[in-house]
C-alpha cells in the first residue's frame, strides 16, 4: 500500500489508503507453514520495491 501511495503522489495524484481485504488469523506453530513463506516473500518484495522506488526518485527517474 505504501509503495502505491508513493507512486501516485510522485505523479501528482492525491490518494488515500483504504483497508486491505486479505487479513489472515495468526496461528503459532512450531514449524512454519507454506502461508508463512508466501507472506515473507510478499513482504520482502514490497521492501525491495520501496527501496527501488526511493532510489529511482533520487535519480529523478520518477
PDB file of N, CA and C in Angstrom:
ATOM      1  N   UNK A   1       0.825  -1.179   0.000  1.00  0.00           N
ATOM      2  CA  UNK A   1       0.000   0.000   0.000  1.00  0.00           C
ATOM      3  C   UNK A   1       0.880   1.259   0.000  1.00  0.00           C
ATOM      4  N   UNK A   2       1.938   1.221   0.797  1.00  0.00           N
ATOM      5  CA  UNK A   2       2.798   2.412   0.891  1.00  0.00           C
ATOM      6  C   UNK A   2       3.466   2.720  -0.442  1.00  0.00           C
ATOM      7  N   UNK A   3       3.918   1.691  -1.138  1.00  0.00           N
ATOM      8  CA  UNK A   3       4.573   1.898  -2.430  1.00  0.00           C
ATOM      9  C   UNK A   3       3.588   2.489  -3.445  1.00  0.00           C
ATOM     10  N   UNK A   4       2.366   2.027  -3.432  1.00  0.00           N
ATOM     11  CA  UNK A   4       1.347   2.563  -4.344  1.00  0.00           C
ATOM     12  C   UNK A   4       1.073   4.034  -4.053  1.00  0.00           C
ATOM     13  N   UNK A   5       0.963   4.370  -2.786  1.00  0.00           N
ATOM     14  CA  UNK A   5       0.720   5.769  -2.422  1.00  0.00           C
ATOM     15  C   UNK A   5       1.879   6.658  -2.859  1.00  0.00           C
ATOM     16  N   UNK A   6       3.111   6.188  -2.672  1.00  0.00           N
ATOM     17  CA  UNK A   6       4.271   6.965  -3.099  1.00  0.00           C
ATOM     18  C   UNK A   6       4.279   7.163  -4.614  1.00  0.00           C
ATOM     19  N   UNK A   7       3.932   6.112  -5.349  1.00  0.00           N
ATOM     20  CA  UNK A   7       3.925   6.216  -6.809  1.00  0.00           C
ATOM     21  C   UNK A   7       2.862   7.190  -7.288  1.00  0.00           C
ATOM     22  N   UNK A   8       1.671   7.109  -6.755  1.00  0.00           N
ATOM     23  CA  UNK A   8       0.617   8.047  -7.163  1.00  0.00           C
ATOM     24  C   UNK A   8       0.982   9.481  -6.801  1.00  0.00           C
ATOM     25  N   UNK A   9       1.550   9.685  -5.611  1.00  0.00           N
ATOM     26  CA  UNK A   9       1.948  11.033  -5.197  1.00  0.00           C
ATOM     27  C   UNK A   9       3.084  11.566  -6.063  1.00  0.00           C
ATOM     28  N   UNK A  10       3.963  10.688  -6.548  1.00  0.00           N
ATOM     29  CA  UNK A  10       5.062  11.121  -7.414  1.00  0.00           C
ATOM     30  C   UNK A  10       4.543  11.701  -8.716  1.00  0.00           C
ATOM     31  N   UNK A  11       3.400  11.227  -9.181  1.00  0.00           N
ATOM     32  CA  UNK A  11       2.819  11.731 -10.421  1.00  0.00           C
ATOM     33  C   UNK A  11       1.748  12.783 -10.179  1.00  0.00           C
ATOM     34  N   UNK A  12       1.677  13.296  -8.945  1.00  0.00           N
ATOM     35  CA  UNK A  12       0.802  14.417  -8.653  1.00  0.00           C
ATOM     36  C   UNK A  12      -0.629  14.055  -8.312  1.00  0.00           C
ATOM     37  N   UNK A  13      -0.901  12.798  -8.042  1.00  0.00           N
ATOM     38  CA  UNK A  13      -2.255  12.389  -7.679  1.00  0.00           C
ATOM     39  C   UNK A  13      -2.356  12.256  -6.160  1.00  0.00           C
ATOM     40  N   UNK A  14      -3.326  12.944  -5.582  1.00  0.00           N
ATOM     41  CA  UNK A  14      -3.526  12.880  -4.137  1.00  0.00           C
ATOM     42  C   UNK A  14      -4.409  11.682  -3.825  1.00  0.00           C
ATOM     43  N   UNK A  15      -3.882  10.720  -3.079  1.00  0.00           N
ATOM     44  CA  UNK A  15      -4.600   9.477  -2.806  1.00  0.00           C
ATOM     45  C   UNK A  15      -4.778   9.275  -1.316  1.00  0.00           C
ATOM     46  N   UNK A  16      -5.668   8.354  -0.982  1.00  0.00           N
ATOM     47  CA  UNK A  16      -5.909   7.997   0.401  1.00  0.00           C
ATOM     48  C   UNK A  16      -5.972   6.482   0.493  1.00  0.00           C
ATOM     49  N   UNK A  17      -5.302   5.916   1.481  1.00  0.00           N
ATOM     50  CA  UNK A  17      -5.261   4.460   1.640  1.00  0.00           C
ATOM     51  C   UNK A  17      -6.573   3.936   2.186  1.00  0.00           C
ATOM     52  N   UNK A  18      -6.858   2.696   1.844  1.00  0.00           N
ATOM     53  CA  UNK A  18      -8.051   2.011   2.341  1.00  0.00           C
ATOM     54  C   UNK A  18      -7.615   0.707   2.994  1.00  0.00           C
ATOM     55  N   UNK A  19      -8.517   0.050   3.664  1.00  0.00           N
ATOM     56  CA  UNK A  19      -8.192  -1.207   4.334  1.00  0.00           C
ATOM     57  C   UNK A  19      -7.996  -2.325   3.324  1.00  0.00           C
ATOM     58  N   UNK A  20      -7.163  -3.285   3.688  1.00  0.00           N
ATOM     59  CA  UNK A  20      -6.963  -4.450   2.833  1.00  0.00           C
ATOM     60  C   UNK A  20      -8.000  -5.513   3.160  1.00  0.00           C
ATOM     61  N   UNK A  21      -8.231  -6.395   2.220  1.00  0.00           N
ATOM     62  CA  UNK A  21      -9.282  -7.392   2.421  1.00  0.00           C
ATOM     63  C   UNK A  21      -8.756  -8.782   2.743  1.00  0.00           C
ATOM     64  N   UNK A  22      -7.477  -9.035   2.567  1.00  0.00           N
ATOM     65  CA  UNK A  22      -6.975 -10.394   2.783  1.00  0.00           C
ATOM     66  C   UNK A  22      -6.185 -10.496   4.089  1.00  0.00           C
ATOM     67  N   UNK A  23      -6.832 -10.249   5.201  1.00  0.00           N
ATOM     68  CA  UNK A  23      -6.200 -10.333   6.510  1.00  0.00           C
ATOM     69  C   UNK A  23      -6.368 -11.756   7.026  1.00  0.00           C
ATOM     70  N   UNK A  24      -5.269 -12.351   7.472  1.00  0.00           N
ATOM     71  CA  UNK A  24      -5.300 -13.726   7.964  1.00  0.00           C
ATOM     72  C   UNK A  24      -5.210 -13.752   9.485  1.00  0.00           C
ATOM     73  N   UNK A  25      -5.756 -14.798  10.061  1.00  0.00           N
ATOM     74  CA  UNK A  25      -5.650 -15.016  11.506  1.00  0.00           C
ATOM     75  C   UNK A  25      -4.287 -15.639  11.809  1.00  0.00           C
ATOM     76  N   UNK A  26      -3.661 -15.203  12.890  1.00  0.00           N
ATOM     77  CA  UNK A  26      -2.357 -15.724  13.281  1.00  0.00           C
ATOM     78  C   UNK A  26      -2.511 -17.063  13.981  1.00  0.00           C
ATOM     79  N   UNK A  27      -1.616 -17.980  13.684  1.00  0.00           N
ATOM     80  CA  UNK A  27      -1.553 -19.268  14.360  1.00  0.00           C
ATOM     81  C   UNK A  27      -0.100 -19.528  14.732  1.00  0.00           C
ATOM     82  N   UNK A  28       0.153 -19.708  16.016  1.00  0.00           N
ATOM     83  CA  UNK A  28       1.501 -20.004  16.477  1.00  0.00           C
ATOM     84  C   UNK A  28       1.747 -21.513  16.381  1.00  0.00           C
ATOM     85  N   UNK A  29       2.733 -21.897  15.592  1.00  0.00           N
ATOM     86  CA  UNK A  29       3.088 -23.305  15.446  1.00  0.00           C
ATOM     87  C   UNK A  29       4.600 -23.451  15.571  1.00  0.00           C
ATOM     88  N   UNK A  30       5.037 -24.667  15.832  1.00  0.00           N
ATOM     89  CA  UNK A  30       6.470 -24.918  15.956  1.00  0.00           C
ATOM     90  C   UNK A  30       7.148 -24.898  14.588  1.00  0.00           C
ATOM     91  N   UNK A  31       6.502 -25.477  13.575  1.00  0.00           N
ATOM     92  CA  UNK A  31       7.037 -25.492  12.223  1.00  0.00           C
ATOM     93  C   UNK A  31       6.274 -24.502  11.357  1.00  0.00           C
ATOM     94  N   UNK A  32       6.976 -23.728  10.545  1.00  0.00           N
ATOM     95  CA  UNK A  32       6.274 -22.755   9.695  1.00  0.00           C
ATOM     96  C   UNK A  32       5.479 -23.453   8.599  1.00  0.00           C
ATOM     97  N   UNK A  33       4.348 -22.875   8.273  1.00  0.00           N
ATOM     98  CA  UNK A  33       3.526 -23.403   7.194  1.00  0.00           C
ATOM     99  C   UNK A  33       3.862 -22.727   5.875  1.00  0.00           C
ATOM    100  N   UNK A  34       3.245 -23.185   4.817  1.00  0.00           N
ATOM    101  CA  UNK A  34       3.515 -22.610   3.493  1.00  0.00           C
ATOM    102  C   UNK A  34       3.041 -21.169   3.392  1.00  0.00           C
ATOM    103  N   UNK A  35       1.975 -20.825   4.094  1.00  0.00           N
ATOM    104  CA  UNK A  35       1.488 -19.438   4.057  1.00  0.00           C
ATOM    105  C   UNK A  35       2.519 -18.471   4.641  1.00  0.00           C
ATOM    106  N   UNK A  36       3.282 -18.926   5.634  1.00  0.00           N
ATOM    107  CA  UNK A  36       4.313 -18.081   6.223  1.00  0.00           C
ATOM    108  C   UNK A  36       5.401 -17.733   5.220  1.00  0.00           C
ATOM    109  N   UNK A  37       5.783 -18.700   4.401  1.00  0.00           N
ATOM    110  CA  UNK A  37       6.798 -18.441   3.386  1.00  0.00           C
ATOM    111  C   UNK A  37       6.259 -17.493   2.303  1.00  0.00           C
ATOM    112  N   UNK A  38       5.017 -17.659   1.959  1.00  0.00           N
ATOM    113  CA  UNK A  38       4.396 -16.777   0.959  1.00  0.00           C
ATOM    114  C   UNK A  38       4.309 -15.357   1.502  1.00  0.00           C
ATOM    115  N   UNK A  39       3.906 -15.211   2.759  1.00  0.00           N
ATOM    116  CA  UNK A  39       3.819 -13.883   3.371  1.00  0.00           C
ATOM    117  C   UNK A  39       5.188 -13.227   3.477  1.00  0.00           C
ATOM    118  N   UNK A  40       6.211 -14.007   3.819  1.00  0.00           N
ATOM    119  CA  UNK A  40       7.568 -13.465   3.918  1.00  0.00           C
ATOM    120  C   UNK A  40       8.067 -13.009   2.554  1.00  0.00           C
ATOM    121  N   UNK A  41       7.772 -13.769   1.507  1.00  0.00           N
ATOM    122  CA  UNK A  41       8.183 -13.385   0.153  1.00  0.00           C
ATOM    123  C   UNK A  41       7.466 -12.113  -0.290  1.00  0.00           C
ATOM    124  N   UNK A  42       6.191 -11.997   0.049  1.00  0.00           N
ATOM    125  CA  UNK A  42       5.431 -10.794  -0.298  1.00  0.00           C
ATOM    126  C   UNK A  42       5.978  -9.572   0.436  1.00  0.00           C
ATOM    127  N   UNK A  43       6.284  -9.734   1.719  1.00  0.00           N
ATOM    128  CA  UNK A  43       6.841  -8.623   2.493  1.00  0.00           C
ATOM    129  C   UNK A  43       8.202  -8.206   1.957  1.00  0.00           C
ATOM    130  N   UNK A  44       9.050  -9.175   1.617  1.00  0.00           N
ATOM    131  CA  UNK A  44      10.360  -8.862   1.050  1.00  0.00           C
ATOM    132  C   UNK A  44      10.228  -8.159  -0.296  1.00  0.00           C
ATOM    133  N   UNK A  45       9.281  -8.609  -1.106  1.00  0.00           N
ATOM    134  CA  UNK A  45       9.026  -7.977  -2.405  1.00  0.00           C
ATOM    135  C   UNK A  45       8.652  -6.510  -2.227  1.00  0.00           C
ATOM    136  N   UNK A  46       7.802  -6.217  -1.254  1.00  0.00           N
ATOM    137  CA  UNK A  46       7.393  -4.838  -1.007  1.00  0.00           C
ATOM    138  C   UNK A  46       8.538  -3.997  -0.469  1.00  0.00           C
ATOM    139  N   UNK A  47       9.370  -4.554   0.406  1.00  0.00           N
ATOM    140  CA  UNK A  47      10.508  -3.800   0.934  1.00  0.00           C
ATOM    141  C   UNK A  47      11.507  -3.466  -0.170  1.00  0.00           C
ATOM    142  N   UNK A  48      11.777  -4.412  -1.050  1.00  0.00           N
ATOM    143  CA  UNK A  48      12.681  -4.155  -2.173  1.00  0.00           C
ATOM    144  C   UNK A  48      12.052  -3.128  -3.112  1.00  0.00           C
ATOM    145  N   UNK A  49      10.758  -3.210  -3.336  1.00  0.00           N
ATOM    146  CA  UNK A  49      10.069  -2.247  -4.186  1.00  0.00           C
ATOM    147  C   UNK A  49      10.126  -0.841  -3.619  1.00  0.00           C
ATOM    148  N   UNK A  50       9.974  -0.701  -2.300  1.00  0.00           N
ATOM    149  CA  UNK A  50      10.081   0.615  -1.665  1.00  0.00           C
ATOM    150  C   UNK A  50      11.487   1.181  -1.803  1.00  0.00           C
ATOM    151  N   UNK A  51      12.492   0.344  -1.582  1.00  0.00           N
ATOM    152  CA  UNK A  51      13.877   0.796  -1.721  1.00  0.00           C
ATOM    153  C   UNK A  51      14.161   1.219  -3.158  1.00  0.00           C
ATOM    154  N   UNK A  52      13.706   0.425  -4.126  1.00  0.00           N
ATOM    155  CA  UNK A  52      13.911   0.760  -5.535  1.00  0.00           C
ATOM    156  C   UNK A  52      13.212   2.063  -5.898  1.00  0.00           C
ATOM    157  N   UNK A  53      12.004   2.254  -5.392  1.00  0.00           N
ATOM    158  CA  UNK A  53      11.271   3.489  -5.665  1.00  0.00           C
ATOM    159  C   UNK A  53      12.038   4.698  -5.144  1.00  0.00           C
ATOM    160  N   UNK A  54      12.558   4.590  -3.924  1.00  0.00           N
ATOM    161  CA  UNK A  54      13.287   5.726  -3.334  1.00  0.00           C
ATOM    162  C   UNK A  54      14.579   6.016  -4.097  1.00  0.00           C
ATOM    163  N   UNK A  55      15.253   4.981  -4.569  1.00  0.00           N
ATOM    164  CA  UNK A  55      16.463   5.181  -5.377  1.00  0.00           C
ATOM    165  C   UNK A  55      16.092   5.854  -6.695  1.00  0.00           C
ATOM    166  N   UNK A  56      15.044   5.392  -7.351  1.00  0.00           N
ATOM    167  CA  UNK A  56      14.614   5.989  -8.614  1.00  0.00           C
ATOM    168  C   UNK A  56      14.219   7.445  -8.432  1.00  0.00           C
ATOM    169  N   UNK A  57      13.577   7.763  -7.310  1.00  0.00           N
ATOM    170  CA  UNK A  57      13.196   9.162  -7.054  1.00  0.00           C
ATOM    171  C   UNK A  57      14.439  10.035  -6.899  1.00  0.00           C
ATOM    172  N   UNK A  58      15.452   9.523  -6.221  1.00  0.00           N
ATOM    173  CA  UNK A  58      16.681  10.307  -6.033  1.00  0.00           C
ATOM    174  C   UNK A  58      17.431  10.496  -7.341  1.00  0.00           C
ATOM    175  N   UNK A  59      17.283   9.549  -8.260  1.00  0.00           N
ATOM    176  CA  UNK A  59      17.917   9.652  -9.579  1.00  0.00           C
ATOM    177  C   UNK A  59      17.051  10.403 -10.597  1.00  0.00           C
ATOM    178  N   UNK A  60      15.917  10.926 -10.160  1.00  0.00           N
ATOM    179  CA  UNK A  60      14.972  11.682 -10.994  1.00  0.00           C
ATOM    180  C   UNK A  60      14.413  10.833 -12.135  1.00  0.00           C
ATOM    181  N   UNK A  61      14.227   9.530 -11.889  1.00  0.00           N
ATOM    182  CA  UNK A  61      13.626   8.667 -12.897  1.00  0.00           C
ATOM    183  C   UNK A  61      12.102   8.638 -12.770  1.00  0.00           C
ATOM    184  N   UNK A  62      11.567   9.037 -11.629  1.00  0.00           N
ATOM    185  CA  UNK A  62      10.123   9.193 -11.454  1.00  0.00           C
ATOM    186  C   UNK A  62       9.839  10.634 -11.177  1.00  0.00           C
TER     187      UNK A  62
END
